[in-house]
């Protein structure tokens, strides 16, 4: 009769749609297409929901022998002695590949940029050896929020250490589900570990790293045990030293961070 079981979808926005929403998406799409055409990397980034570590029930089902279900704890209260994992994802639009930095500390701006830096060191610089620039798409909230001084300060450190010109575009408010890392990477991570208890961090890393799709997606996952401090501040002097170029017409959402050693050639 034309019926099928379907899950809820978060598609109804709370509040009014931002008036510049469509124009910002057009800017992101055209800029990404230009980078891909020139062979420069375009990455979509975000932090997946933090997962509790332990023998807890994980949604979904997996194949097991009849009458041999996996027994898990009857309560999902976090276990203080065990870690949590914050998977920060980097999805590369150029070649449909994913990279995840599995952090066991706080989801801070420092952690976010460290995750991007790890992607560059492990994958990016080998895949794009001749590139002098990179285009980053991300949400306008969380650890990569456009108003966070630490996010821009850490991007400056990344630009200086690699010599890369960093261009960033943020998605408009209320549109995080349209971020490609969400529906081209994170959704497959969730499917891959459904029904499997994440009993320790190494299990999470292995499950994420084993994610594959028929469309060719491959994922690399590394573990990050660095302790990231909350509420770290950027001094006015350090913030003023950031080589940032605002991009019209939506300057808060679009900007470039230039490396100090090359700025006299670029500006």
C-alpha atoms as a PDB file:
ATOM      1  CA  UNK A   1       0.000   0.000   0.000  1.00  0.00           C
ATOM      2  CA  UNK A   2       3.009   2.299  -0.329  1.00  0.00           C
ATOM      3  CA  UNK A   3       4.045   2.285   3.331  1.00  0.00           C
ATOM      4  CA  UNK A   4       7.550   1.742   4.645  1.00  0.00           C
ATOM      5  CA  UNK A   5       9.102   2.136   8.087  1.00  0.00           C
ATOM      6  CA  UNK A   6      11.079   5.384   8.221  1.00  0.00           C
ATOM      7  CA  UNK A   7      13.142   7.097  10.891  1.00  0.00           C
ATOM      8  CA  UNK A   8      12.587  10.678  12.007  1.00  0.00           C
ATOM      9  CA  UNK A   9      14.650  13.277  10.162  1.00  0.00           C
ATOM     10  CA  UNK A  10      15.776  16.576  11.664  1.00  0.00           C
ATOM     11  CA  UNK A  11      14.698  18.793   8.769  1.00  0.00           C
ATOM     12  CA  UNK A  12      12.406  21.342  10.463  1.00  0.00           C
ATOM     13  CA  UNK A  13      14.343  24.402  11.569  1.00  0.00           C
ATOM     14  CA  UNK A  14      13.571  26.059  14.888  1.00  0.00           C
ATOM     15  CA  UNK A  15      13.048  29.786  14.359  1.00  0.00           C
ATOM     16  CA  UNK A  16      13.380  31.824  11.198  1.00  0.00           C
ATOM     17  CA  UNK A  17      15.712  30.786   8.373  1.00  0.00           C
ATOM     18  CA  UNK A  18      18.767  33.037   8.168  1.00  0.00           C
ATOM     19  CA  UNK A  19      18.273  35.501   5.263  1.00  0.00           C
ATOM     20  CA  UNK A  20      21.767  34.773   3.879  1.00  0.00           C
ATOM     21  CA  UNK A  21      21.422  31.000   4.071  1.00  0.00           C
ATOM     22  CA  UNK A  22      21.030  30.289   0.352  1.00  0.00           C
ATOM     23  CA  UNK A  23      23.673  32.795  -0.718  1.00  0.00           C
ATOM     24  CA  UNK A  24      26.192  31.268   1.706  1.00  0.00           C
ATOM     25  CA  UNK A  25      25.556  27.784   0.332  1.00  0.00           C
ATOM     26  CA  UNK A  26      26.059  29.078  -3.202  1.00  0.00           C
ATOM     27  CA  UNK A  27      29.362  30.613  -2.108  1.00  0.00           C
ATOM     28  CA  UNK A  28      30.484  27.340  -0.468  1.00  0.00           C
ATOM     29  CA  UNK A  29      29.526  25.236  -3.486  1.00  0.00           C
ATOM     30  CA  UNK A  30      31.221  27.494  -6.029  1.00  0.00           C
ATOM     31  CA  UNK A  31      34.393  27.836  -3.951  1.00  0.00           C
ATOM     32  CA  UNK A  32      34.595  24.073  -3.360  1.00  0.00           C
ATOM     33  CA  UNK A  33      34.152  23.405  -7.087  1.00  0.00           C
ATOM     34  CA  UNK A  34      36.964  25.846  -7.905  1.00  0.00           C
ATOM     35  CA  UNK A  35      39.350  24.176  -5.423  1.00  0.00           C
ATOM     36  CA  UNK A  36      38.528  20.691  -6.679  1.00  0.00           C
ATOM     37  CA  UNK A  37      39.045  21.806 -10.289  1.00  0.00           C
ATOM     38  CA  UNK A  38      42.551  23.056  -9.449  1.00  0.00           C
ATOM     39  CA  UNK A  39      43.353  19.866  -7.512  1.00  0.00           C
ATOM     40  CA  UNK A  40      43.452  21.502  -4.073  1.00  0.00           C
ATOM     41  CA  UNK A  41      41.893  19.783  -1.041  1.00  0.00           C
ATOM     42  CA  UNK A  42      38.371  20.526   0.187  1.00  0.00           C
ATOM     43  CA  UNK A  43      37.505  19.065   3.573  1.00  0.00           C
ATOM     44  CA  UNK A  44      34.315  19.028   5.622  1.00  0.00           C
ATOM     45  CA  UNK A  45      34.909  18.771   9.373  1.00  0.00           C
ATOM     46  CA  UNK A  46      32.984  18.349  12.626  1.00  0.00           C
ATOM     47  CA  UNK A  47      32.938  16.448  15.928  1.00  0.00           C
ATOM     48  CA  UNK A  48      30.655  13.417  16.168  1.00  0.00           C
ATOM     49  CA  UNK A  49      28.619  12.947  19.336  1.00  0.00           C
ATOM     50  CA  UNK A  50      30.784  11.974  22.308  1.00  0.00           C
ATOM     51  CA  UNK A  51      30.420   8.270  23.093  1.00  0.00           C
ATOM     52  CA  UNK A  52      30.618   6.654  26.533  1.00  0.00           C
ATOM     53  CA  UNK A  53      33.108   3.810  26.785  1.00  0.00           C
ATOM     54  CA  UNK A  54      31.942   0.601  28.464  1.00  0.00           C
ATOM     55  CA  UNK A  55      29.857  -2.516  27.984  1.00  0.00           C
ATOM     56  CA  UNK A  56      26.740  -0.484  27.219  1.00  0.00           C
ATOM     57  CA  UNK A  57      23.919  -1.190  24.794  1.00  0.00           C
ATOM     58  CA  UNK A  58      24.613   0.267  21.377  1.00  0.00           C
ATOM     59  CA  UNK A  59      21.613   0.920  19.131  1.00  0.00           C
ATOM     60  CA  UNK A  60      20.961  -1.385  16.191  1.00  0.00           C
ATOM     61  CA  UNK A  61      21.504  -5.082  15.616  1.00  0.00           C
ATOM     62  CA  UNK A  62      24.314  -7.358  14.449  1.00  0.00           C
ATOM     63  CA  UNK A  63      24.411 -10.951  13.226  1.00  0.00           C
ATOM     64  CA  UNK A  64      25.095 -13.488  15.998  1.00  0.00           C
ATOM     65  CA  UNK A  65      24.308 -17.168  16.509  1.00  0.00           C
ATOM     66  CA  UNK A  66      20.704 -17.897  17.468  1.00  0.00           C
ATOM     67  CA  UNK A  67      19.878 -17.280  21.122  1.00  0.00           C
ATOM     68  CA  UNK A  68      23.346 -15.850  21.763  1.00  0.00           C
ATOM     69  CA  UNK A  69      22.772 -12.093  22.058  1.00  0.00           C
ATOM     70  CA  UNK A  70      25.526  -9.893  23.379  1.00  0.00           C
ATOM     71  CA  UNK A  71      24.802  -9.231  27.051  1.00  0.00           C
ATOM     72  CA  UNK A  72      25.417  -5.666  28.194  1.00  0.00           C
ATOM     73  CA  UNK A  73      24.947  -3.649  31.384  1.00  0.00           C
ATOM     74  CA  UNK A  74      21.347  -2.895  32.327  1.00  0.00           C
ATOM     75  CA  UNK A  75      22.125   0.815  32.938  1.00  0.00           C
ATOM     76  CA  UNK A  76      24.022   3.266  30.757  1.00  0.00           C
ATOM     77  CA  UNK A  77      25.513   5.360  33.547  1.00  0.00           C
ATOM     78  CA  UNK A  78      29.019   6.513  32.561  1.00  0.00           C
ATOM     79  CA  UNK A  79      31.830   4.635  34.293  1.00  0.00           C
ATOM     80  CA  UNK A  80      34.228   7.145  35.829  1.00  0.00           C
ATOM     81  CA  UNK A  81      37.280   4.913  35.423  1.00  0.00           C
ATOM     82  CA  UNK A  82      36.691   4.526  31.677  1.00  0.00           C
ATOM     83  CA  UNK A  83      37.284   7.137  28.990  1.00  0.00           C
ATOM     84  CA  UNK A  84      34.884   8.764  26.588  1.00  0.00           C
ATOM     85  CA  UNK A  85      35.720   9.243  22.936  1.00  0.00           C
ATOM     86  CA  UNK A  86      35.073  12.342  20.829  1.00  0.00           C
ATOM     87  CA  UNK A  87      35.504  11.392  17.146  1.00  0.00           C
ATOM     88  CA  UNK A  88      36.527  14.462  15.125  1.00  0.00           C
ATOM     89  CA  UNK A  89      35.894  13.737  11.460  1.00  0.00           C
ATOM     90  CA  UNK A  90      37.592  15.077   8.347  1.00  0.00           C
ATOM     91  CA  UNK A  91      35.812  14.191   5.106  1.00  0.00           C
ATOM     92  CA  UNK A  92      37.718  14.858   1.877  1.00  0.00           C
ATOM     93  CA  UNK A  93      35.354  15.821  -0.945  1.00  0.00           C
ATOM     94  CA  UNK A  94      38.009  15.329  -3.624  1.00  0.00           C
ATOM     95  CA  UNK A  95      38.255  11.559  -3.266  1.00  0.00           C
ATOM     96  CA  UNK A  96      35.531  10.340  -0.859  1.00  0.00           C
ATOM     97  CA  UNK A  97      37.834   9.460   2.021  1.00  0.00           C
ATOM     98  CA  UNK A  98      37.440   9.980   5.738  1.00  0.00           C
ATOM     99  CA  UNK A  99      39.819  10.543   8.623  1.00  0.00           C
ATOM    100  CA  UNK A 100      38.829  10.454  12.298  1.00  0.00           C
ATOM    101  CA  UNK A 101      40.849  11.637  15.262  1.00  0.00           C
ATOM    102  CA  UNK A 102      39.511   9.801  18.300  1.00  0.00           C
ATOM    103  CA  UNK A 103      40.044  12.161  21.213  1.00  0.00           C
ATOM    104  CA  UNK A 104      39.717  11.019  24.819  1.00  0.00           C
ATOM    105  CA  UNK A 105      39.773  14.537  26.293  1.00  0.00           C
ATOM    106  CA  UNK A 106      37.665  17.667  25.756  1.00  0.00           C
ATOM    107  CA  UNK A 107      36.266  18.837  22.408  1.00  0.00           C
ATOM    108  CA  UNK A 108      38.108  22.164  22.200  1.00  0.00           C
ATOM    109  CA  UNK A 109      39.263  24.368  19.325  1.00  0.00           C
ATOM    110  CA  UNK A 110      42.785  23.138  19.959  1.00  0.00           C
ATOM    111  CA  UNK A 111      41.565  19.545  19.535  1.00  0.00           C
ATOM    112  CA  UNK A 112      39.673  20.470  16.352  1.00  0.00           C
ATOM    113  CA  UNK A 113      42.692  21.999  14.615  1.00  0.00           C
ATOM    114  CA  UNK A 114      44.983  19.229  15.888  1.00  0.00           C
ATOM    115  CA  UNK A 115      42.608  16.769  14.181  1.00  0.00           C
ATOM    116  CA  UNK A 116      42.881  18.671  10.895  1.00  0.00           C
ATOM    117  CA  UNK A 117      46.665  18.814  11.312  1.00  0.00           C
ATOM    118  CA  UNK A 118      46.814  15.068  11.859  1.00  0.00           C
ATOM    119  CA  UNK A 119      44.767  14.513   8.710  1.00  0.00           C
ATOM    120  CA  UNK A 120      47.240  16.661   6.785  1.00  0.00           C
ATOM    121  CA  UNK A 121      50.275  14.809   8.142  1.00  0.00           C
ATOM    122  CA  UNK A 122      48.822  11.313   7.668  1.00  0.00           C
ATOM    123  CA  UNK A 123      46.842  11.779   4.440  1.00  0.00           C
ATOM    124  CA  UNK A 124      46.663  15.302   3.040  1.00  0.00           C
ATOM    125  CA  UNK A 125      50.269  16.180   2.237  1.00  0.00           C
ATOM    126  CA  UNK A 126      50.787  12.805   0.542  1.00  0.00           C
ATOM    127  CA  UNK A 127      47.557  13.039  -1.487  1.00  0.00           C
ATOM    128  CA  UNK A 128      48.042  16.726  -2.406  1.00  0.00           C
ATOM    129  CA  UNK A 129      51.848  17.183  -2.428  1.00  0.00           C
ATOM    130  CA  UNK A 130      51.776  20.287  -4.639  1.00  0.00           C
ATOM    131  CA  UNK A 131      48.926  22.129  -2.907  1.00  0.00           C
ATOM    132  CA  UNK A 132      49.632  25.439  -1.204  1.00  0.00           C
ATOM    133  CA  UNK A 133      46.090  25.980   0.041  1.00  0.00           C
ATOM    134  CA  UNK A 134      43.187  24.142   1.637  1.00  0.00           C
ATOM    135  CA  UNK A 135      39.441  24.844   1.890  1.00  0.00           C
ATOM    136  CA  UNK A 136      37.660  23.926   5.136  1.00  0.00           C
ATOM    137  CA  UNK A 137      33.861  23.715   5.511  1.00  0.00           C
ATOM    138  CA  UNK A 138      32.472  23.536   9.042  1.00  0.00           C
ATOM    139  CA  UNK A 139      29.525  24.427  11.270  1.00  0.00           C
ATOM    140  CA  UNK A 140      29.129  27.786  12.953  1.00  0.00           C
ATOM    141  CA  UNK A 141      29.091  26.272  16.449  1.00  0.00           C
ATOM    142  CA  UNK A 142      31.044  23.937  18.703  1.00  0.00           C
ATOM    143  CA  UNK A 143      34.829  23.714  18.766  1.00  0.00           C
ATOM    144  CA  UNK A 144      35.077  25.226  15.257  1.00  0.00           C
ATOM    145  CA  UNK A 145      32.710  28.132  15.921  1.00  0.00           C
ATOM    146  CA  UNK A 146      33.428  31.183  13.764  1.00  0.00           C
ATOM    147  CA  UNK A 147      33.465  33.551  16.756  1.00  0.00           C
ATOM    148  CA  UNK A 148      35.988  31.564  18.816  1.00  0.00           C
ATOM    149  CA  UNK A 149      39.363  33.293  19.022  1.00  0.00           C
ATOM    150  CA  UNK A 150      41.122  30.014  19.859  1.00  0.00           C
ATOM    151  CA  UNK A 151      39.827  28.401  16.629  1.00  0.00           C
ATOM    152  CA  UNK A 152      41.397  31.130  14.497  1.00  0.00           C
ATOM    153  CA  UNK A 153      44.572  31.231  16.612  1.00  0.00           C
ATOM    154  CA  UNK A 154      45.087  27.474  16.209  1.00  0.00           C
ATOM    155  CA  UNK A 155      44.445  27.739  12.456  1.00  0.00           C
ATOM    156  CA  UNK A 156      47.232  30.340  12.329  1.00  0.00           C
ATOM    157  CA  UNK A 157      49.590  27.861  13.997  1.00  0.00           C
ATOM    158  CA  UNK A 158      48.553  25.223  11.451  1.00  0.00           C
ATOM    159  CA  UNK A 159      49.115  27.635   8.553  1.00  0.00           C
ATOM    160  CA  UNK A 160      52.548  28.634   9.887  1.00  0.00           C
ATOM    161  CA  UNK A 161      53.692  25.035  10.439  1.00  0.00           C
ATOM    162  CA  UNK A 162      52.598  23.845   6.969  1.00  0.00           C
ATOM    163  CA  UNK A 163      52.940  26.993   4.842  1.00  0.00           C
ATOM    164  CA  UNK A 164      49.351  26.460   3.674  1.00  0.00           C
ATOM    165  CA  UNK A 165      46.840  29.207   2.958  1.00  0.00           C
ATOM    166  CA  UNK A 166      43.742  28.207   4.958  1.00  0.00           C
ATOM    167  CA  UNK A 167      40.352  29.254   3.591  1.00  0.00           C
ATOM    168  CA  UNK A 168      37.339  28.617   5.819  1.00  0.00           C
ATOM    169  CA  UNK A 169      33.587  28.789   5.230  1.00  0.00           C
ATOM    170  CA  UNK A 170      31.014  28.159   7.965  1.00  0.00           C
ATOM    171  CA  UNK A 171      27.544  26.782   7.324  1.00  0.00           C
ATOM    172  CA  UNK A 172      24.668  29.091   8.337  1.00  0.00           C
ATOM    173  CA  UNK A 173      22.955  28.520  11.709  1.00  0.00           C
ATOM    174  CA  UNK A 174      20.635  25.517  11.871  1.00  0.00           C
ATOM    175  CA  UNK A 175      22.138  23.713   8.858  1.00  0.00           C
ATOM    176  CA  UNK A 176      24.673  21.364  10.467  1.00  0.00           C
ATOM    177  CA  UNK A 177      22.910  18.313   9.012  1.00  0.00           C
ATOM    178  CA  UNK A 178      23.854  19.576   5.533  1.00  0.00           C
ATOM    179  CA  UNK A 179      27.542  19.431   6.419  1.00  0.00           C
ATOM    180  CA  UNK A 180      28.926  16.649   4.199  1.00  0.00           C
ATOM    181  CA  UNK A 181      30.915  15.056   7.012  1.00  0.00           C
ATOM    182  CA  UNK A 182      27.559  14.268   8.637  1.00  0.00           C
ATOM    183  CA  UNK A 183      25.880  12.386   5.789  1.00  0.00           C
ATOM    184  CA  UNK A 184      28.955  11.096   3.943  1.00  0.00           C
ATOM    185  CA  UNK A 185      31.034   9.918   6.916  1.00  0.00           C
ATOM    186  CA  UNK A 186      29.386   9.962  10.343  1.00  0.00           C
ATOM    187  CA  UNK A 187      26.228   8.119   9.278  1.00  0.00           C
ATOM    188  CA  UNK A 188      28.358   5.191   8.043  1.00  0.00           C
ATOM    189  CA  UNK A 189      30.384   5.108  11.255  1.00  0.00           C
ATOM    190  CA  UNK A 190      27.140   4.712  13.202  1.00  0.00           C
ATOM    191  CA  UNK A 191      25.951   1.919  10.900  1.00  0.00           C
ATOM    192  CA  UNK A 192      29.282   0.103  11.143  1.00  0.00           C
ATOM    193  CA  UNK A 193      29.262  -0.136  14.935  1.00  0.00           C
ATOM    194  CA  UNK A 194      25.520  -0.562  15.486  1.00  0.00           C
ATOM    195  CA  UNK A 195      24.780  -3.365  17.924  1.00  0.00           C
ATOM    196  CA  UNK A 196      28.434  -3.550  19.027  1.00  0.00           C
ATOM    197  CA  UNK A 197      29.265  -2.358  22.558  1.00  0.00           C
ATOM    198  CA  UNK A 198      32.180   0.093  22.616  1.00  0.00           C
ATOM    199  CA  UNK A 199      33.965  -1.580  25.482  1.00  0.00           C
ATOM    200  CA  UNK A 200      37.181   0.427  25.190  1.00  0.00           C
ATOM    201  CA  UNK A 201      38.762   3.207  23.131  1.00  0.00           C
ATOM    202  CA  UNK A 202      40.740   0.779  20.968  1.00  0.00           C
ATOM    203  CA  UNK A 203      37.507  -0.983  19.976  1.00  0.00           C
ATOM    204  CA  UNK A 204      36.039   2.361  18.877  1.00  0.00           C
ATOM    205  CA  UNK A 205      39.172   3.176  16.847  1.00  0.00           C
ATOM    206  CA  UNK A 206      39.109  -0.233  15.127  1.00  0.00           C
ATOM    207  CA  UNK A 207      35.381  -0.043  14.337  1.00  0.00           C
ATOM    208  CA  UNK A 208      35.714   3.452  12.886  1.00  0.00           C
ATOM    209  CA  UNK A 209      38.794   2.483  10.872  1.00  0.00           C
ATOM    210  CA  UNK A 210      37.056  -0.578   9.399  1.00  0.00           C
ATOM    211  CA  UNK A 211      34.216   1.487   7.907  1.00  0.00           C
ATOM    212  CA  UNK A 212      33.794   0.943   4.159  1.00  0.00           C
ATOM    213  CA  UNK A 213      30.966   1.555   1.674  1.00  0.00           C
ATOM    214  CA  UNK A 214      30.091   0.217  -1.765  1.00  0.00           C
ATOM    215  CA  UNK A 215      30.546   3.782  -3.067  1.00  0.00           C
ATOM    216  CA  UNK A 216      34.248   3.555  -2.197  1.00  0.00           C
ATOM    217  CA  UNK A 217      34.446   5.378   1.143  1.00  0.00           C
ATOM    218  CA  UNK A 218      37.503   4.424   3.177  1.00  0.00           C
ATOM    219  CA  UNK A 219      38.269   5.670   6.669  1.00  0.00           C
ATOM    220  CA  UNK A 220      41.445   6.032   8.717  1.00  0.00           C
ATOM    221  CA  UNK A 221      41.139   6.450  12.478  1.00  0.00           C
ATOM    222  CA  UNK A 222      43.845   7.372  14.984  1.00  0.00           C
ATOM    223  CA  UNK A 223      43.740   7.689  18.758  1.00  0.00           C
ATOM    224  CA  UNK A 224      44.446  11.004  20.476  1.00  0.00           C
ATOM    225  CA  UNK A 225      45.154  10.809  24.219  1.00  0.00           C
ATOM    226  CA  UNK A 226      46.298  14.420  24.515  1.00  0.00           C
ATOM    227  CA  UNK A 227      44.747  16.290  27.437  1.00  0.00           C
ATOM    228  CA  UNK A 228      43.091  19.434  26.031  1.00  0.00           C
ATOM    229  CA  UNK A 229      42.398  22.179  28.553  1.00  0.00           C
ATOM    230  CA  UNK A 230      39.040  23.916  28.719  1.00  0.00           C
ATOM    231  CA  UNK A 231      38.654  27.700  28.672  1.00  0.00           C
ATOM    232  CA  UNK A 232      42.138  28.479  27.393  1.00  0.00           C
ATOM    233  CA  UNK A 233      42.414  32.125  26.420  1.00  0.00           C
ATOM    234  CA  UNK A 234      44.094  33.853  23.478  1.00  0.00           C
ATOM    235  CA  UNK A 235      45.758  37.129  24.405  1.00  0.00           C
ATOM    236  CA  UNK A 236      44.918  40.286  22.476  1.00  0.00           C
ATOM    237  CA  UNK A 237      48.498  40.432  21.176  1.00  0.00           C
ATOM    238  CA  UNK A 238      48.352  36.863  19.839  1.00  0.00           C
ATOM    239  CA  UNK A 239      44.933  37.433  18.303  1.00  0.00           C
ATOM    240  CA  UNK A 240      46.055  40.648  16.609  1.00  0.00           C
ATOM    241  CA  UNK A 241      48.974  38.715  15.102  1.00  0.00           C
ATOM    242  CA  UNK A 242      46.623  36.427  13.152  1.00  0.00           C
ATOM    243  CA  UNK A 243      46.896  37.087   9.405  1.00  0.00           C
ATOM    244  CA  UNK A 244      43.209  36.947   8.569  1.00  0.00           C
ATOM    245  CA  UNK A 245      41.609  38.140   5.346  1.00  0.00           C
ATOM    246  CA  UNK A 246      37.840  38.554   5.474  1.00  0.00           C
ATOM    247  CA  UNK A 247      35.881  37.509   2.389  1.00  0.00           C
ATOM    248  CA  UNK A 248      32.859  39.517   1.253  1.00  0.00           C
ATOM    249  CA  UNK A 249      29.917  39.628   1.536  1.00  0.00           C
ATOM    250  CA  UNK A 250      29.591  37.423   4.657  1.00  0.00           C
ATOM    251  CA  UNK A 251      32.857  38.225   6.406  1.00  0.00           C
ATOM    252  CA  UNK A 252      32.038  36.430   9.665  1.00  0.00           C
ATOM    253  CA  UNK A 253      31.485  33.139   7.866  1.00  0.00           C
ATOM    254  CA  UNK A 254      34.219  33.333   5.214  1.00  0.00           C
ATOM    255  CA  UNK A 255      37.883  34.165   5.693  1.00  0.00           C
ATOM    256  CA  UNK A 256      41.463  33.139   4.955  1.00  0.00           C
ATOM    257  CA  UNK A 257      44.310  32.554   7.395  1.00  0.00           C
ATOM    258  CA  UNK A 258      47.681  33.213   5.755  1.00  0.00           C
ATOM    259  CA  UNK A 259      51.014  31.755   6.884  1.00  0.00           C
ATOM    260  CA  UNK A 260      53.369  34.401   8.299  1.00  0.00           C
ATOM    261  CA  UNK A 261      56.374  33.260   6.307  1.00  0.00           C
ATOM    262  CA  UNK A 262      54.562  33.683   2.972  1.00  0.00           C
ATOM    263  CA  UNK A 263      52.188  36.579   3.551  1.00  0.00           C
ATOM    264  CA  UNK A 264      54.301  39.157   1.750  1.00  0.00           C
ATOM    265  CA  UNK A 265      53.891  37.117  -1.445  1.00  0.00           C
ATOM    266  CA  UNK A 266      50.154  36.472  -1.065  1.00  0.00           C
ATOM    267  CA  UNK A 267      48.570  39.627   0.261  1.00  0.00           C
END
